Every structure is written in C-alpha cells, then in structure tokens.
C-alpha atoms as a PDB file:
ATOM      1  CA  UNK A   1       4.285 -26.520  -7.414  1.00  0.00           C
ATOM      2  CA  UNK A   2       4.321 -23.821  -4.779  1.00  0.00           C
ATOM      3  CA  UNK A   3       7.437 -21.732  -4.341  1.00  0.00           C
ATOM      4  CA  UNK A   4       8.956 -21.913  -0.873  1.00  0.00           C
ATOM      5  CA  UNK A   5       8.360 -18.838   1.264  1.00  0.00           C
ATOM      6  CA  UNK A   6      11.634 -16.867   1.220  1.00  0.00           C
ATOM      7  CA  UNK A   7      10.939 -15.331   4.641  1.00  0.00           C
ATOM      8  CA  UNK A   8      10.463 -18.513   6.705  1.00  0.00           C
ATOM      9  CA  UNK A   9      14.131 -18.938   7.609  1.00  0.00           C
ATOM     10  CA  UNK A  10      14.432 -15.278   8.542  1.00  0.00           C
ATOM     11  CA  UNK A  11      11.313 -15.530  10.740  1.00  0.00           C
ATOM     12  CA  UNK A  12      12.825 -18.499  12.554  1.00  0.00           C
ATOM     13  CA  UNK A  13      15.968 -16.454  13.218  1.00  0.00           C
ATOM     14  CA  UNK A  14      13.834 -13.574  14.511  1.00  0.00           C
ATOM     15  CA  UNK A  15      12.017 -16.074  16.715  1.00  0.00           C
ATOM     16  CA  UNK A  16      15.433 -17.011  18.139  1.00  0.00           C
ATOM     17  CA  UNK A  17      16.022 -13.330  18.997  1.00  0.00           C
ATOM     18  CA  UNK A  18      18.825 -12.723  16.475  1.00  0.00           C
ATOM     19  CA  UNK A  19      19.278  -8.940  16.151  1.00  0.00           C
ATOM     20  CA  UNK A  20      20.797  -9.292  12.667  1.00  0.00           C
ATOM     21  CA  UNK A  21      17.652 -11.100  11.491  1.00  0.00           C
ATOM     22  CA  UNK A  22      15.426  -8.262  12.711  1.00  0.00           C
ATOM     23  CA  UNK A  23      17.637  -5.752  10.917  1.00  0.00           C
ATOM     24  CA  UNK A  24      17.486  -7.816   7.714  1.00  0.00           C
ATOM     25  CA  UNK A  25      13.681  -8.111   7.912  1.00  0.00           C
ATOM     26  CA  UNK A  26      13.354  -4.357   8.356  1.00  0.00           C
ATOM     27  CA  UNK A  27      15.590  -3.690   5.356  1.00  0.00           C
ATOM     28  CA  UNK A  28      13.586  -6.185   3.252  1.00  0.00           C
ATOM     29  CA  UNK A  29      10.085  -5.073   4.188  1.00  0.00           C
ATOM     30  CA  UNK A  30      10.166  -1.453   5.383  1.00  0.00           C
ATOM     31  CA  UNK A  31      10.180   0.268   1.950  1.00  0.00           C
ATOM     32  CA  UNK A  32       7.109  -1.627   0.738  1.00  0.00           C
ATOM     33  CA  UNK A  33       5.239  -1.206   4.023  1.00  0.00           C
ATOM     34  CA  UNK A  34       5.912   2.539   4.027  1.00  0.00           C
ATOM     35  CA  UNK A  35       4.839   2.828   0.391  1.00  0.00           C
ATOM     36  CA  UNK A  36       1.628   0.899   1.029  1.00  0.00           C
ATOM     37  CA  UNK A  37       0.687   2.858   4.149  1.00  0.00           C
ATOM     38  CA  UNK A  38       1.675   6.218   2.650  1.00  0.00           C
ATOM     39  CA  UNK A  39      -0.473   5.694  -0.400  1.00  0.00           C
ATOM     40  CA  UNK A  40      -3.459   4.490   1.576  1.00  0.00           C
ATOM     41  CA  UNK A  41      -3.219   7.008   4.413  1.00  0.00           C
ATOM     42  CA  UNK A  42      -1.645   9.992   2.669  1.00  0.00           C
ATOM     43  CA  UNK A  43       0.360  10.806   5.801  1.00  0.00           C
ATOM     44  CA  UNK A  44       4.048   9.953   6.160  1.00  0.00           C
ATOM     45  CA  UNK A  45       3.972  10.064   9.965  1.00  0.00           C
ATOM     46  CA  UNK A  46       1.008   7.689  10.150  1.00  0.00           C
ATOM     47  CA  UNK A  47       2.686   5.437   7.569  1.00  0.00           C
ATOM     48  CA  UNK A  48       5.760   5.177   9.810  1.00  0.00           C
ATOM     49  CA  UNK A  49       3.509   4.331  12.762  1.00  0.00           C
ATOM     50  CA  UNK A  50       1.797   1.574  10.756  1.00  0.00           C
ATOM     51  CA  UNK A  51       5.168   0.166   9.679  1.00  0.00           C
ATOM     52  CA  UNK A  52       6.427   0.217  13.263  1.00  0.00           C
ATOM     53  CA  UNK A  53       3.317  -1.550  14.556  1.00  0.00           C
ATOM     54  CA  UNK A  54       3.635  -4.122  11.739  1.00  0.00           C
ATOM     55  CA  UNK A  55       7.215  -4.883  12.770  1.00  0.00           C
ATOM     56  CA  UNK A  56       6.153  -5.243  16.405  1.00  0.00           C
ATOM     57  CA  UNK A  57       3.632  -7.834  15.287  1.00  0.00           C
ATOM     58  CA  UNK A  58       6.310  -9.653  13.280  1.00  0.00           C
ATOM     59  CA  UNK A  59       8.515  -9.772  16.356  1.00  0.00           C
ATOM     60  CA  UNK A  60       5.653 -11.107  18.496  1.00  0.00           C
ATOM     61  CA  UNK A  61       4.558 -13.738  15.941  1.00  0.00           C
ATOM     62  CA  UNK A  62       7.934 -14.903  14.573  1.00  0.00           C
ATOM     63  CA  UNK A  63       8.493 -17.739  17.065  1.00  0.00           C
ATOM     64  CA  UNK A  64       4.987 -19.102  16.408  1.00  0.00           C
ATOM     65  CA  UNK A  65       4.979 -18.781  12.611  1.00  0.00           C
ATOM     66  CA  UNK A  66       3.808 -21.926  10.855  1.00  0.00           C
ATOM     67  CA  UNK A  67       5.154 -22.227   7.358  1.00  0.00           C
ATOM     68  CA  UNK A  68       2.709 -23.407   4.735  1.00  0.00           C
ATOM     69  CA  UNK A  69      -0.464 -21.891   6.194  1.00  0.00           C
ATOM     70  CA  UNK A  70       0.044 -18.574   4.419  1.00  0.00           C
ATOM     71  CA  UNK A  71       2.896 -16.742   2.764  1.00  0.00           C
ATOM     72  CA  UNK A  72       4.513 -14.379   5.217  1.00  0.00           C
ATOM     73  CA  UNK A  73       4.320 -11.454   2.757  1.00  0.00           C
ATOM     74  CA  UNK A  74       0.564 -11.975   2.396  1.00  0.00           C
ATOM     75  CA  UNK A  75       0.123 -11.980   6.172  1.00  0.00           C
ATOM     76  CA  UNK A  76       2.297  -8.869   6.565  1.00  0.00           C
ATOM     77  CA  UNK A  77       0.358  -6.964   3.896  1.00  0.00           C
ATOM     78  CA  UNK A  78      -2.915  -7.942   5.604  1.00  0.00           C
ATOM     79  CA  UNK A  79      -1.590  -6.683   8.952  1.00  0.00           C
ATOM     80  CA  UNK A  80      -0.516  -3.373   7.402  1.00  0.00           C
ATOM     81  CA  UNK A  81      -3.823  -3.008   5.535  1.00  0.00           C
ATOM     82  CA  UNK A  82      -5.810  -3.645   8.715  1.00  0.00           C
ATOM     83  CA  UNK A  83      -3.752  -1.072  10.599  1.00  0.00           C
ATOM     84  CA  UNK A  84      -4.382   1.433   7.796  1.00  0.00           C
ATOM     85  CA  UNK A  85      -8.127   0.688   7.862  1.00  0.00           C
ATOM     86  CA  UNK A  86      -8.183   1.257  11.612  1.00  0.00           C
ATOM     87  CA  UNK A  87      -6.599   4.667  11.142  1.00  0.00           C
ATOM     88  CA  UNK A  88      -8.916   5.554   8.268  1.00  0.00           C
ATOM     89  CA  UNK A  89     -11.958   4.610  10.348  1.00  0.00           C
ATOM     90  CA  UNK A  90     -10.717   6.826  13.167  1.00  0.00           C
ATOM     91  CA  UNK A  91     -10.497   9.716  10.749  1.00  0.00           C
ATOM     92  CA  UNK A  92     -14.177   9.153   9.935  1.00  0.00           C
ATOM     93  CA  UNK A  93     -13.543   9.374   6.214  1.00  0.00           C
ATOM     94  CA  UNK A  94     -11.840  12.761   6.232  1.00  0.00           C
ATOM     95  CA  UNK A  95     -10.232  13.548   2.857  1.00  0.00           C
ATOM     96  CA  UNK A  96      -6.585  12.640   2.403  1.00  0.00           C
ATOM     97  CA  UNK A  97      -3.943  15.341   2.419  1.00  0.00           C
ATOM     98  CA  UNK A  98      -2.888  15.557  -1.247  1.00  0.00           C
ATOM     99  CA  UNK A  99       0.533  17.009  -0.440  1.00  0.00           C
ATOM    100  CA  UNK A 100       1.434  14.035   1.744  1.00  0.00           C
ATOM    101  CA  UNK A 101       0.841  11.660  -1.169  1.00  0.00           C
ATOM    102  CA  UNK A 102       3.253  13.424  -3.514  1.00  0.00           C
ATOM    103  CA  UNK A 103       6.394  11.410  -4.041  1.00  0.00           C
ATOM    104  CA  UNK A 104       9.860  12.894  -4.204  1.00  0.00           C
ATOM    105  CA  UNK A 105      10.980  14.037  -7.626  1.00  0.00           C
ATOM    106  CA  UNK A 106      14.220  12.694  -9.102  1.00  0.00           C
ATOM    107  CA  UNK A 107      16.811  15.429  -8.473  1.00  0.00           C
ATOM    108  CA  UNK A 108      18.720  14.483 -11.644  1.00  0.00           C
ATOM    109  CA  UNK A 109      16.215  16.262 -13.915  1.00  0.00           C
ATOM    110  CA  UNK A 110      16.245  19.886 -14.925  1.00  0.00           C
ATOM    111  CA  UNK A 111      14.213  22.312 -12.821  1.00  0.00           C
ATOM    112  CA  UNK A 112      11.576  22.385 -15.560  1.00  0.00           C
ATOM    113  CA  UNK A 113      11.404  18.580 -15.634  1.00  0.00           C
ATOM    114  CA  UNK A 114      11.181  18.508 -11.851  1.00  0.00           C
ATOM    115  CA  UNK A 115       8.273  20.961 -11.869  1.00  0.00           C
ATOM    116  CA  UNK A 116       6.466  18.950 -14.536  1.00  0.00           C
ATOM    117  CA  UNK A 117       7.060  15.672 -12.671  1.00  0.00           C
ATOM    118  CA  UNK A 118       5.924  17.224  -9.382  1.00  0.00           C
ATOM    119  CA  UNK A 119       2.740  18.514 -11.017  1.00  0.00           C
ATOM    120  CA  UNK A 120       2.011  15.083 -12.495  1.00  0.00           C
ATOM    121  CA  UNK A 121       2.701  13.424  -9.160  1.00  0.00           C
ATOM    122  CA  UNK A 122       0.371  15.864  -7.390  1.00  0.00           C
ATOM    123  CA  UNK A 123      -2.417  15.215  -9.895  1.00  0.00           C
ATOM    124  CA  UNK A 124      -2.014  11.444  -9.513  1.00  0.00           C
ATOM    125  CA  UNK A 125      -1.944  11.747  -5.718  1.00  0.00           C
ATOM    126  CA  UNK A 126      -5.125  13.829  -5.809  1.00  0.00           C
ATOM    127  CA  UNK A 127      -6.754  11.334  -8.180  1.00  0.00           C
ATOM    128  CA  UNK A 128      -5.821   8.412  -5.906  1.00  0.00           C
ATOM    129  CA  UNK A 129      -7.090  10.275  -2.852  1.00  0.00           C
ATOM    130  CA  UNK A 130     -10.410  10.918  -4.581  1.00  0.00           C
ATOM    131  CA  UNK A 131     -11.025   7.213  -5.291  1.00  0.00           C
ATOM    132  CA  UNK A 132     -13.335   5.253  -3.010  1.00  0.00           C
ATOM    133  CA  UNK A 133     -11.314   3.326  -0.407  1.00  0.00           C
ATOM    134  CA  UNK A 134     -11.652  -0.140  -1.988  1.00  0.00           C
ATOM    135  CA  UNK A 135     -10.737   1.118  -5.468  1.00  0.00           C
ATOM    136  CA  UNK A 136      -7.697   2.951  -4.061  1.00  0.00           C
ATOM    137  CA  UNK A 137      -6.658  -0.184  -2.191  1.00  0.00           C
ATOM    138  CA  UNK A 138      -6.920  -2.327  -5.339  1.00  0.00           C
ATOM    139  CA  UNK A 139      -4.820   0.148  -7.367  1.00  0.00           C
ATOM    140  CA  UNK A 140      -2.170   0.483  -4.655  1.00  0.00           C
ATOM    141  CA  UNK A 141      -1.846  -3.276  -4.169  1.00  0.00           C
ATOM    142  CA  UNK A 142      -1.567  -4.069  -7.846  1.00  0.00           C
ATOM    143  CA  UNK A 143       0.356  -1.156  -9.302  1.00  0.00           C
ATOM    144  CA  UNK A 144       2.410   0.188  -6.417  1.00  0.00           C
ATOM    145  CA  UNK A 145       2.925  -2.975  -4.354  1.00  0.00           C
ATOM    146  CA  UNK A 146       3.171  -5.057  -7.564  1.00  0.00           C
ATOM    147  CA  UNK A 147       1.044  -7.900  -6.241  1.00  0.00           C
ATOM    148  CA  UNK A 148      -0.608 -10.329  -8.627  1.00  0.00           C
ATOM    149  CA  UNK A 149      -4.385 -10.275  -8.984  1.00  0.00           C
ATOM    150  CA  UNK A 150      -4.591 -13.472  -6.941  1.00  0.00           C
ATOM    151  CA  UNK A 151      -2.469 -12.029  -4.105  1.00  0.00           C
ATOM    152  CA  UNK A 152      -4.296  -8.688  -4.080  1.00  0.00           C
ATOM    153  CA  UNK A 153      -7.711 -10.379  -4.124  1.00  0.00           C
ATOM    154  CA  UNK A 154      -6.689 -12.634  -1.234  1.00  0.00           C
ATOM    155  CA  UNK A 155      -5.512  -9.639   0.786  1.00  0.00           C
ATOM    156  CA  UNK A 156      -8.747  -7.796   0.129  1.00  0.00           C
ATOM    157  CA  UNK A 157     -10.755 -10.945   0.878  1.00  0.00           C
ATOM    158  CA  UNK A 158     -12.582 -10.797  -2.447  1.00  0.00           C
ATOM    159  CA  UNK A 159     -12.637 -12.888  -5.609  1.00  0.00           C
ATOM    160  CA  UNK A 160     -10.246 -12.192  -8.468  1.00  0.00           C
ATOM    161  CA  UNK A 161     -13.264 -11.175 -10.564  1.00  0.00           C
ATOM    162  CA  UNK A 162     -14.322  -8.632  -7.929  1.00  0.00           C
ATOM    163  CA  UNK A 163     -10.763  -7.276  -7.824  1.00  0.00           C
ATOM    164  CA  UNK A 164     -10.709  -6.927 -11.603  1.00  0.00           C
ATOM    165  CA  UNK A 165     -14.021  -5.072 -11.444  1.00  0.00           C
ATOM    166  CA  UNK A 166     -12.636  -2.696  -8.787  1.00  0.00           C
ATOM    167  CA  UNK A 167      -9.497  -2.141 -10.862  1.00  0.00           C
ATOM    168  CA  UNK A 168     -11.547  -1.442 -13.978  1.00  0.00           C
ATOM    169  CA  UNK A 169     -13.708   1.138 -12.175  1.00  0.00           C
ATOM    170  CA  UNK A 170     -10.657   2.666 -10.491  1.00  0.00           C
ATOM    171  CA  UNK A 171      -8.764   3.024 -13.787  1.00  0.00           C
ATOM    172  CA  UNK A 172     -11.859   4.562 -15.403  1.00  0.00           C
ATOM    173  CA  UNK A 173     -12.265   6.991 -12.491  1.00  0.00           C
ATOM    174  CA  UNK A 174      -8.567   7.885 -12.588  1.00  0.00           C
ATOM    175  CA  UNK A 175      -8.715   8.434 -16.339  1.00  0.00           C
ATOM    176  CA  UNK A 176     -11.798  10.679 -15.968  1.00  0.00           C
ATOM    177  CA  UNK A 177     -10.239  12.614 -13.110  1.00  0.00           C
ATOM    178  CA  UNK A 178      -6.937  13.158 -14.927  1.00  0.00           C
ATOM    179  CA  UNK A 179      -8.719  14.157 -18.167  1.00  0.00           C
ATOM    180  CA  UNK A 180     -10.522  17.039 -16.446  1.00  0.00           C
ATOM    181  CA  UNK A 181      -8.622  20.334 -16.660  1.00  0.00           C
ATOM    182  CA  UNK A 182      -9.295  21.089 -12.987  1.00  0.00           C
ATOM    183  CA  UNK A 183      -8.731  17.486 -11.931  1.00  0.00           C
ATOM    184  CA  UNK A 184     -12.231  17.256 -10.439  1.00  0.00           C
ATOM    185  CA  UNK A 185     -14.354  14.790 -12.342  1.00  0.00           C
ATOM    186  CA  UNK A 186     -16.532  13.891  -9.371  1.00  0.00           C
ATOM    187  CA  UNK A 187     -14.470  10.794  -8.750  1.00  0.00           C
ATOM    188  CA  UNK A 188     -16.011   7.920  -6.917  1.00  0.00           C
ATOM    189  CA  UNK A 189     -19.381   9.424  -6.016  1.00  0.00           C
ATOM    190  CA  UNK A 190     -21.066   6.432  -4.478  1.00  0.00           C
ATOM    191  CA  UNK A 191     -19.093   3.942  -6.564  1.00  0.00           C
ATOM    192  CA  UNK A 192     -17.344   1.265  -4.557  1.00  0.00           C
END
C-alpha cells in the first residue's frame, strides 16, 4: 500500500494563501533543496537562486496540486534538478568551482581535526566535480539527498538498472580519483 503524501495538506494550505504554511514548507524543504543545488552547481549563490525559483513554482502550483499523480517531493526534486540543468547548460560545461562545494567543518573538533576534515571535504568536492554530470547527479540523489534507487531513477527518468550502473561507475571513478595522490585520475573521460 502506498504511503500518503505528507505534503498534500500543507500544499492545500499554501493554495489557500496561508503565510504560516509557506513558512513551514520553506523550513521543511529549503535545506534539502540547497544541498541538492549546491552539490550539482558548486555555487552557493546559484543554489539559493534555484531554491527560490523552486519555491515560486510551489506557490504557483499549490492550488492546482492533484494528490495521487506524483509525490510532491518527487515533483519538487525534478523542478530543482531541471533548474540546475538549465544553469549548467548556460555555463556550457565549465568546470565547477571546487571551493564552493566544500562543506563547513564542525567547529567542535580540534584545529588539526578541522584541517583534516576540510582537506577530505575538498578532495571529495573535487572528485564529485570531476564526475560526468549524470554520475554526479546519481551520487547526489542517492547519498546526499538519501533517495531510494526507485525515487532517484524516476527523477532522472531512467530505469533502476541504469541508475545502478551510473552509481557503480561513479563510485569506481570516485575511488580512483581519491586513490590518486594528486587527486587527478582522469575522472569521467567520456564515461557517462
């Protein structure tokens, strides 16, 4: 049996122009949208723009949302992914800015631990940035957005088997990249 969509009631409230519902939706969805866009785009400012545009689309579509056709979260991820793709196309495949992908280090650690964690985060960000777009998308959706294979495959409009193949190649490429002392294992040359 299908689980009910937890966002349907909130969408109806947004459709009725309840300010508290909009605020609740933003608090529920903004962190994941920012994480998704940041990892795909490698630019915090662009990620905020994508999140803002996604919320505008929620506001415009809320009154017309039809429960049961698709899960709201799936639709929202697809909107954010499409907005990211549009921005990536406009860049004409320019490399991602590695520094923008680095996540904040936990301030509770010692300075030495912080340096080590920052270095690891930078290497992972560089490895992700070096992946072909579809492999990076598959990794981000599954590992960072914590979507199931079925959900990620649906968002990417591919079969679960194709997703698993992308994930396998992406993990292999990441492993090769991270095993190289310089971090440059020729990741993703022509492999999609």
